Amino acid sequence: MSALDEKQDCTQARAALEEYLHKELCAEDAADVRAHLDSCEECSAEHHVGETLTVALQGACKDRAPEDLRERLLASLRAAKAQHG
């Protein structure tokens, strides 16, 4: 494979990386990305960063606000709704 072909493969793999991380690619496209990641250290490292961020964000989204904050926000929203109809 020439350096130009390799760069094009990296560009295509990186363009599909977010969909790959979220399992939104068809099986054939996912297999192509996986094959590229297996053979490209740079893209594999970028994939690892994406995985790490995805897991961290998913974990953060599971946390709930403290109950007193939730109650104050809901009361504020209700007051604003009552005031503005």
PDB file of N, CA and C in Angstrom:
ATOM      1  N   MET A   1       0.853  -1.175   0.000  1.00  0.00           N
ATOM      2  CA  MET A   1       0.000   0.000   0.000  1.00  0.00           C
ATOM      3  C   MET A   1       0.896   1.233   0.000  1.00  0.00           C
ATOM      4  N   SER A   2       0.564   2.201  -0.833  1.00  0.00           N
ATOM      5  CA  SER A   2       1.356   3.418  -0.901  1.00  0.00           C
ATOM      6  C   SER A   2       1.018   4.329   0.264  1.00  0.00           C
ATOM      7  N   ALA A   3       1.888   5.308   0.511  1.00  0.00           N
ATOM      8  CA  ALA A   3       1.659   6.256   1.603  1.00  0.00           C
ATOM      9  C   ALA A   3       0.361   7.030   1.369  1.00  0.00           C
ATOM     10  N   LEU A   4       0.053   7.337   0.106  1.00  0.00           N
ATOM     11  CA  LEU A   4      -1.176   8.061  -0.214  1.00  0.00           C
ATOM     12  C   LEU A   4      -2.402   7.210   0.128  1.00  0.00           C
ATOM     13  N   ASP A   5      -2.375   5.915  -0.224  1.00  0.00           N
ATOM     14  CA  ASP A   5      -3.484   5.018   0.104  1.00  0.00           C
ATOM     15  C   ASP A   5      -3.660   4.899   1.606  1.00  0.00           C
ATOM     16  N   GLU A   6      -2.547   4.808   2.330  1.00  0.00           N
ATOM     17  CA  GLU A   6      -2.605   4.684   3.776  1.00  0.00           C
ATOM     18  C   GLU A   6      -3.229   5.929   4.400  1.00  0.00           C
ATOM     19  N   LYS A   7      -2.840   7.110   3.905  1.00  0.00           N
ATOM     20  CA  LYS A   7      -3.397   8.370   4.424  1.00  0.00           C
ATOM     21  C   LYS A   7      -4.893   8.442   4.135  1.00  0.00           C
ATOM     22  N   GLN A   8      -5.299   7.985   2.948  1.00  0.00           N
ATOM     23  CA  GLN A   8      -6.718   7.982   2.591  1.00  0.00           C
ATOM     24  C   GLN A   8      -7.481   7.026   3.508  1.00  0.00           C
ATOM     25  N   ASP A   9      -6.894   5.852   3.808  1.00  0.00           N
ATOM     26  CA  ASP A   9      -7.540   4.913   4.732  1.00  0.00           C
ATOM     27  C   ASP A   9      -7.711   5.544   6.110  1.00  0.00           C
ATOM     28  N   CYS A  10      -6.698   6.277   6.573  1.00  0.00           N
ATOM     29  CA  CYS A  10      -6.779   6.953   7.871  1.00  0.00           C
ATOM     30  C   CYS A  10      -7.892   7.992   7.852  1.00  0.00           C
ATOM     31  N   THR A  11      -7.984   8.752   6.804  1.00  0.00           N
ATOM     32  CA  THR A  11      -9.016   9.775   6.684  1.00  0.00           C
ATOM     33  C   THR A  11     -10.398   9.143   6.732  1.00  0.00           C
ATOM     34  N   GLN A  12     -10.579   8.055   6.011  1.00  0.00           N
ATOM     35  CA  GLN A  12     -11.876   7.377   5.996  1.00  0.00           C
ATOM     36  C   GLN A  12     -12.193   6.748   7.352  1.00  0.00           C
ATOM     37  N   ALA A  13     -11.200   6.126   7.965  1.00  0.00           N
ATOM     38  CA  ALA A  13     -11.418   5.490   9.266  1.00  0.00           C
ATOM     39  C   ALA A  13     -11.766   6.534  10.324  1.00  0.00           C
ATOM     40  N   ARG A  14     -11.054   7.631  10.318  1.00  0.00           N
ATOM     41  CA  ARG A  14     -11.319   8.673  11.323  1.00  0.00           C
ATOM     42  C   ARG A  14     -12.673   9.334  11.101  1.00  0.00           C
ATOM     43  N   ALA A  15     -13.091   9.438   9.849  1.00  0.00           N
ATOM     44  CA  ALA A  15     -14.404  10.015   9.548  1.00  0.00           C
ATOM     45  C   ALA A  15     -15.526   9.112  10.072  1.00  0.00           C
ATOM     46  N   ALA A  16     -15.268   7.808  10.123  1.00  0.00           N
ATOM     47  CA  ALA A  16     -16.281   6.849  10.572  1.00  0.00           C
ATOM     48  C   ALA A  16     -16.135   6.482  12.041  1.00  0.00           C
ATOM     49  N   LEU A  17     -15.138   7.035  12.708  1.00  0.00           N
ATOM     50  CA  LEU A  17     -14.812   6.608  14.064  1.00  0.00           C
ATOM     51  C   LEU A  17     -15.952   6.831  15.066  1.00  0.00           C
ATOM     52  N   GLU A  18     -16.616   7.969  15.001  1.00  0.00           N
ATOM     53  CA  GLU A  18     -17.700   8.227  15.959  1.00  0.00           C
ATOM     54  C   GLU A  18     -18.832   7.223  15.778  1.00  0.00           C
ATOM     55  N   GLU A  19     -19.224   6.979  14.533  1.00  0.00           N
ATOM     56  CA  GLU A  19     -20.273   5.993  14.280  1.00  0.00           C
ATOM     57  C   GLU A  19     -19.821   4.605  14.719  1.00  0.00           C
ATOM     58  N   TYR A  20     -18.549   4.304  14.513  1.00  0.00           N
ATOM     59  CA  TYR A  20     -17.997   3.014  14.934  1.00  0.00           C
ATOM     60  C   TYR A  20     -18.083   2.878  16.461  1.00  0.00           C
ATOM     61  N   LEU A  21     -17.696   3.934  17.174  1.00  0.00           N
ATOM     62  CA  LEU A  21     -17.739   3.910  18.632  1.00  0.00           C
ATOM     63  C   LEU A  21     -19.153   3.669  19.161  1.00  0.00           C
ATOM     64  N   HIS A  22     -20.148   4.196  18.462  1.00  0.00           N
ATOM     65  CA  HIS A  22     -21.534   4.086  18.909  1.00  0.00           C
ATOM     66  C   HIS A  22     -22.263   2.918  18.241  1.00  0.00           C
ATOM     67  N   LYS A  23     -21.497   2.079  17.547  1.00  0.00           N
ATOM     68  CA  LYS A  23     -22.042   0.882  16.877  1.00  0.00           C
ATOM     69  C   LYS A  23     -23.166   1.239  15.903  1.00  0.00           C
ATOM     70  N   GLU A  24     -22.926   2.298  15.118  1.00  0.00           N
ATOM     71  CA  GLU A  24     -23.926   2.779  14.170  1.00  0.00           C
ATOM     72  C   GLU A  24     -23.565   2.432  12.719  1.00  0.00           C
ATOM     73  N   LEU A  25     -22.480   1.681  12.514  1.00  0.00           N
ATOM     74  CA  LEU A  25     -22.068   1.303  11.162  1.00  0.00           C
ATOM     75  C   LEU A  25     -22.629  -0.074  10.814  1.00  0.00           C
ATOM     76  N   CYS A  26     -22.857  -0.294   9.527  1.00  0.00           N
ATOM     77  CA  CYS A  26     -23.242  -1.637   9.098  1.00  0.00           C
ATOM     78  C   CYS A  26     -22.051  -2.573   9.340  1.00  0.00           C
ATOM     79  N   ALA A  27     -22.302  -3.852   9.346  1.00  0.00           N
ATOM     80  CA  ALA A  27     -21.274  -4.845   9.684  1.00  0.00           C
ATOM     81  C   ALA A  27     -20.050  -4.731   8.769  1.00  0.00           C
ATOM     82  N   GLU A  28     -20.271  -4.508   7.483  1.00  0.00           N
ATOM     83  CA  GLU A  28     -19.155  -4.427   6.542  1.00  0.00           C
ATOM     84  C   GLU A  28     -18.277  -3.200   6.818  1.00  0.00           C
ATOM     85  N   ASP A  29     -18.901  -2.052   7.028  1.00  0.00           N
ATOM     86  CA  ASP A  29     -18.135  -0.842   7.312  1.00  0.00           C
ATOM     87  C   ASP A  29     -17.414  -0.947   8.661  1.00  0.00           C
ATOM     88  N   ALA A  30     -18.087  -1.533   9.641  1.00  0.00           N
ATOM     89  CA  ALA A  30     -17.456  -1.716  10.955  1.00  0.00           C
ATOM     90  C   ALA A  30     -16.243  -2.632  10.839  1.00  0.00           C
ATOM     91  N   ALA A  31     -16.349  -3.672  10.029  1.00  0.00           N
ATOM     92  CA  ALA A  31     -15.222  -4.594   9.825  1.00  0.00           C
ATOM     93  C   ALA A  31     -14.057  -3.873   9.150  1.00  0.00           C
ATOM     94  N   ASP A  32     -14.354  -2.994   8.206  1.00  0.00           N
ATOM     95  CA  ASP A  32     -13.295  -2.220   7.538  1.00  0.00           C
ATOM     96  C   ASP A  32     -12.577  -1.306   8.532  1.00  0.00           C
ATOM     97  N   VAL A  33     -13.342  -0.630   9.376  1.00  0.00           N
ATOM     98  CA  VAL A  33     -12.741   0.257  10.378  1.00  0.00           C
ATOM     99  C   VAL A  33     -11.915  -0.567  11.352  1.00  0.00           C
ATOM    100  N   ARG A  34     -12.453  -1.683  11.829  1.00  0.00           N
ATOM    101  CA  ARG A  34     -11.731  -2.543  12.770  1.00  0.00           C
ATOM    102  C   ARG A  34     -10.419  -3.028  12.157  1.00  0.00           C
ATOM    103  N   ALA A  35     -10.451  -3.433  10.898  1.00  0.00           N
ATOM    104  CA  ALA A  35      -9.231  -3.900  10.224  1.00  0.00           C
ATOM    105  C   ALA A  35      -8.204  -2.781  10.160  1.00  0.00           C
ATOM    106  N   HIS A  36      -8.654  -1.573   9.871  1.00  0.00           N
ATOM    107  CA  HIS A  36      -7.727  -0.446   9.808  1.00  0.00           C
ATOM    108  C   HIS A  36      -7.145  -0.166  11.190  1.00  0.00           C
ATOM    109  N   LEU A  37      -7.998  -0.168  12.216  1.00  0.00           N
ATOM    110  CA  LEU A  37      -7.520   0.095  13.574  1.00  0.00           C
ATOM    111  C   LEU A  37      -6.500  -0.951  14.016  1.00  0.00           C
ATOM    112  N   ASP A  38      -6.686  -2.186  13.575  1.00  0.00           N
ATOM    113  CA  ASP A  38      -5.743  -3.254  13.918  1.00  0.00           C
ATOM    114  C   ASP A  38      -4.370  -3.037  13.298  1.00  0.00           C
ATOM    115  N   SER A  39      -4.343  -2.305  12.188  1.00  0.00           N
ATOM    116  CA  SER A  39      -3.070  -2.134  11.484  1.00  0.00           C
ATOM    117  C   SER A  39      -2.484  -0.728  11.576  1.00  0.00           C
ATOM    118  N   CYS A  40      -3.193   0.208  12.193  1.00  0.00           N
ATOM    119  CA  CYS A  40      -2.730   1.597  12.248  1.00  0.00           C
ATOM    120  C   CYS A  40      -2.650   2.060  13.697  1.00  0.00           C
ATOM    121  N   GLU A  41      -1.459   2.266  14.170  1.00  0.00           N
ATOM    122  CA  GLU A  41      -1.242   2.656  15.564  1.00  0.00           C
ATOM    123  C   GLU A  41      -1.866   4.020  15.885  1.00  0.00           C
ATOM    124  N   GLU A  42      -1.734   4.984  14.969  1.00  0.00           N
ATOM    125  CA  GLU A  42      -2.274   6.324  15.221  1.00  0.00           C
ATOM    126  C   GLU A  42      -3.795   6.320  15.323  1.00  0.00           C
ATOM    127  N   CYS A  43      -4.450   5.662  14.395  1.00  0.00           N
ATOM    128  CA  CYS A  43      -5.917   5.619  14.425  1.00  0.00           C
ATOM    129  C   CYS A  43      -6.400   4.791  15.613  1.00  0.00           C
ATOM    130  N   SER A  44      -5.671   3.738  15.948  1.00  0.00           N
ATOM    131  CA  SER A  44      -6.019   2.925  17.105  1.00  0.00           C
ATOM    132  C   SER A  44      -5.932   3.754  18.388  1.00  0.00           C
ATOM    133  N   ALA A  45      -4.911   4.602  18.489  1.00  0.00           N
ATOM    134  CA  ALA A  45      -4.770   5.474  19.653  1.00  0.00           C
ATOM    135  C   ALA A  45      -5.927   6.472  19.715  1.00  0.00           C
ATOM    136  N   GLU A  46      -6.324   7.012  18.569  1.00  0.00           N
ATOM    137  CA  GLU A  46      -7.454   7.947  18.539  1.00  0.00           C
ATOM    138  C   GLU A  46      -8.739   7.228  18.942  1.00  0.00           C
ATOM    139  N   HIS A  47      -8.895   5.995  18.501  1.00  0.00           N
ATOM    140  CA  HIS A  47     -10.053   5.188  18.880  1.00  0.00           C
ATOM    141  C   HIS A  47     -10.077   4.964  20.386  1.00  0.00           C
ATOM    142  N   HIS A  48      -8.935   4.693  20.966  1.00  0.00           N
ATOM    143  CA  HIS A  48      -8.843   4.478  22.411  1.00  0.00           C
ATOM    144  C   HIS A  48      -9.271   5.737  23.171  1.00  0.00           C
ATOM    145  N   VAL A  49      -8.838   6.895  22.715  1.00  0.00           N
ATOM    146  CA  VAL A  49      -9.249   8.163  23.341  1.00  0.00           C
ATOM    147  C   VAL A  49     -10.769   8.316  23.237  1.00  0.00           C
ATOM    148  N   GLY A  50     -11.307   8.031  22.075  1.00  0.00           N
ATOM    149  CA  GLY A  50     -12.760   8.123  21.880  1.00  0.00           C
ATOM    150  C   GLY A  50     -13.519   7.184  22.798  1.00  0.00           C
ATOM    151  N   GLU A  51     -13.027   5.959  22.941  1.00  0.00           N
ATOM    152  CA  GLU A  51     -13.658   4.992  23.852  1.00  0.00           C
ATOM    153  C   GLU A  51     -13.624   5.505  25.291  1.00  0.00           C
ATOM    154  N   THR A  52     -12.479   6.020  25.705  1.00  0.00           N
ATOM    155  CA  THR A  52     -12.317   6.520  27.067  1.00  0.00           C
ATOM    156  C   THR A  52     -13.279   7.669  27.342  1.00  0.00           C
ATOM    157  N   LEU A  53     -13.379   8.603  26.399  1.00  0.00           N
ATOM    158  CA  LEU A  53     -14.296   9.736  26.565  1.00  0.00           C
ATOM    159  C   LEU A  53     -15.751   9.281  26.588  1.00  0.00           C
ATOM    160  N   THR A  54     -16.090   8.340  25.734  1.00  0.00           N
ATOM    161  CA  THR A  54     -17.458   7.837  25.679  1.00  0.00           C
ATOM    162  C   THR A  54     -17.856   7.199  26.995  1.00  0.00           C
ATOM    163  N   VAL A  55     -16.982   6.364  27.549  1.00  0.00           N
ATOM    164  CA  VAL A  55     -17.265   5.713  28.833  1.00  0.00           C
ATOM    165  C   VAL A  55     -17.392   6.757  29.942  1.00  0.00           C
ATOM    166  N   ALA A  56     -16.510   7.750  29.946  1.00  0.00           N
ATOM    167  CA  ALA A  56     -16.563   8.793  30.975  1.00  0.00           C
ATOM    168  C   ALA A  56     -17.861   9.592  30.885  1.00  0.00           C
ATOM    169  N   LEU A  57     -18.267   9.940  29.673  1.00  0.00           N
ATOM    170  CA  LEU A  57     -19.510  10.698  29.501  1.00  0.00           C
ATOM    171  C   LEU A  57     -20.732   9.882  29.876  1.00  0.00           C
ATOM    172  N   GLN A  58     -20.728   8.610  29.519  1.00  0.00           N
ATOM    173  CA  GLN A  58     -21.859   7.759  29.888  1.00  0.00           C
ATOM    174  C   GLN A  58     -21.974   7.650  31.402  1.00  0.00           C
ATOM    175  N   GLY A  59     -20.843   7.544  32.072  1.00  0.00           N
ATOM    176  CA  GLY A  59     -20.851   7.476  33.530  1.00  0.00           C
ATOM    177  C   GLY A  59     -21.352   8.760  34.150  1.00  0.00           C
ATOM    178  N   ALA A  60     -20.933   9.890  33.593  1.00  0.00           N
ATOM    179  CA  ALA A  60     -21.347  11.191  34.124  1.00  0.00           C
ATOM    180  C   ALA A  60     -22.846  11.400  33.946  1.00  0.00           C
ATOM    181  N   CYS A  61     -23.397  10.881  32.875  1.00  0.00           N
ATOM    182  CA  CYS A  61     -24.828  11.055  32.612  1.00  0.00           C
ATOM    183  C   CYS A  61     -25.690  10.232  33.549  1.00  0.00           C
ATOM    184  N   LYS A  62     -25.117   9.256  34.215  1.00  0.00           N
ATOM    185  CA  LYS A  62     -25.877   8.421  35.144  1.00  0.00           C
ATOM    186  C   LYS A  62     -26.010   9.080  36.513  1.00  0.00           C
ATOM    187  N   ASP A  63     -25.148  10.048  36.790  1.00  0.00           N
ATOM    188  CA  ASP A  63     -25.206  10.725  38.074  1.00  0.00           C
ATOM    189  C   ASP A  63     -26.449  11.602  38.136  1.00  0.00           C
ATOM    190  N   ARG A  64     -27.052  11.666  39.318  1.00  0.00           N
ATOM    191  CA  ARG A  64     -28.222  12.519  39.522  1.00  0.00           C
ATOM    192  C   ARG A  64     -27.809  13.745  40.312  1.00  0.00           C
ATOM    193  N   ALA A  65     -28.489  14.815  40.058  1.00  0.00           N
ATOM    194  CA  ALA A  65     -28.264  16.031  40.837  1.00  0.00           C
ATOM    195  C   ALA A  65     -28.742  15.775  42.259  1.00  0.00           C
ATOM    196  N   PRO A  66     -28.147  16.456  43.238  1.00  0.00           N
ATOM    197  CA  PRO A  66     -28.618  16.309  44.621  1.00  0.00           C
ATOM    198  C   PRO A  66     -30.112  16.658  44.709  1.00  0.00           C
ATOM    199  N   GLU A  67     -30.815  15.964  45.566  1.00  0.00           N
ATOM    200  CA  GLU A  67     -32.271  16.117  45.660  1.00  0.00           C
ATOM    201  C   GLU A  67     -32.695  17.550  45.950  1.00  0.00           C
ATOM    202  N   ASP A  68     -31.970  18.263  46.826  1.00  0.00           N
ATOM    203  CA  ASP A  68     -32.356  19.647  47.138  1.00  0.00           C
ATOM    204  C   ASP A  68     -32.212  20.548  45.913  1.00  0.00           C
ATOM    205  N   LEU A  69     -31.205  20.314  45.101  1.00  0.00           N
ATOM    206  CA  LEU A  69     -31.035  21.098  43.878  1.00  0.00           C
ATOM    207  C   LEU A  69     -32.167  20.793  42.904  1.00  0.00           C
ATOM    208  N   ARG A  70     -32.515  19.530  42.759  1.00  0.00           N
ATOM    209  CA  ARG A  70     -33.617  19.141  41.870  1.00  0.00           C
ATOM    210  C   ARG A  70     -34.915  19.815  42.316  1.00  0.00           C
ATOM    211  N   GLU A  71     -35.185  19.810  43.607  1.00  0.00           N
ATOM    212  CA  GLU A  71     -36.409  20.427  44.129  1.00  0.00           C
ATOM    213  C   GLU A  71     -36.442  21.927  43.867  1.00  0.00           C
ATOM    214  N   ARG A  72     -35.303  22.600  44.067  1.00  0.00           N
ATOM    215  CA  ARG A  72     -35.243  24.053  43.818  1.00  0.00           C
ATOM    216  C   ARG A  72     -35.447  24.362  42.342  1.00  0.00           C
ATOM    217  N   LEU A  73     -34.832  23.562  41.475  1.00  0.00           N
ATOM    218  CA  LEU A  73     -35.000  23.783  40.040  1.00  0.00           C
ATOM    219  C   LEU A  73     -36.444  23.576  39.610  1.00  0.00           C
ATOM    220  N   LEU A  74     -37.056  22.506  40.093  1.00  0.00           N
ATOM    221  CA  LEU A  74     -38.457  22.248  39.748  1.00  0.00           C
ATOM    222  C   LEU A  74     -39.368  23.360  40.263  1.00  0.00           C
ATOM    223  N   ALA A  75     -39.123  23.826  41.482  1.00  0.00           N
ATOM    224  CA  ALA A  75     -39.928  24.922  42.030  1.00  0.00           C
ATOM    225  C   ALA A  75     -39.751  26.185  41.196  1.00  0.00           C
ATOM    226  N   SER A  76     -38.537  26.449  40.772  1.00  0.00           N
ATOM    227  CA  SER A  76     -38.261  27.620  39.949  1.00  0.00           C
ATOM    228  C   SER A  76     -38.961  27.505  38.598  1.00  0.00           C
ATOM    229  N   LEU A  77     -38.932  26.334  38.007  1.00  0.00           N
ATOM    230  CA  LEU A  77     -39.611  26.120  36.720  1.00  0.00           C
ATOM    231  C   LEU A  77     -41.129  26.274  36.857  1.00  0.00           C
ATOM    232  N   ARG A  78     -41.670  25.736  37.942  1.00  0.00           N
ATOM    233  CA  ARG A  78     -43.105  25.876  38.174  1.00  0.00           C
ATOM    234  C   ARG A  78     -43.494  27.336  38.359  1.00  0.00           C
ATOM    235  N   ALA A  79     -42.697  28.099  39.108  1.00  0.00           N
ATOM    236  CA  ALA A  79     -42.974  29.511  39.336  1.00  0.00           C
ATOM    237  C   ALA A  79     -42.902  30.289  38.023  1.00  0.00           C
ATOM    238  N   ALA A  80     -41.913  29.988  37.206  1.00  0.00           N
ATOM    239  CA  ALA A  80     -41.776  30.688  35.931  1.00  0.00           C
ATOM    240  C   ALA A  80     -42.949  30.349  35.012  1.00  0.00           C
ATOM    241  N   LYS A  81     -43.390  29.100  35.033  1.00  0.00           N
ATOM    242  CA  LYS A  81     -44.524  28.689  34.206  1.00  0.00           C
ATOM    243  C   LYS A  81     -45.795  29.383  34.678  1.00  0.00           C
ATOM    244  N   ALA A  82     -45.998  29.444  35.983  1.00  0.00           N
ATOM    245  CA  ALA A  82     -47.195  30.101  36.530  1.00  0.00           C
ATOM    246  C   ALA A  82     -47.197  31.594  36.203  1.00  0.00           C
ATOM    247  N   GLN A  83     -46.033  32.194  36.221  1.00  0.00           N
ATOM    248  CA  GLN A  83     -45.932  33.626  35.957  1.00  0.00           C
ATOM    249  C   GLN A  83     -46.176  33.944  34.476  1.00  0.00           C
ATOM    250  N   HIS A  84     -45.732  33.043  33.607  1.00  0.00           N
ATOM    251  CA  HIS A  84     -45.809  33.309  32.157  1.00  0.00           C
ATOM    252  C   HIS A  84     -46.921  32.513  31.474  1.00  0.00           C
ATOM    253  N   GLY A  85     -47.724  31.871  32.238  1.00  0.00           N
ATOM    254  CA  GLY A  85     -48.896  31.195  31.671  1.00  0.00           C
ATOM    255  C   GLY A  85     -48.585  29.883  31.169  1.00  0.00           C
TER     256      GLY A  85
END
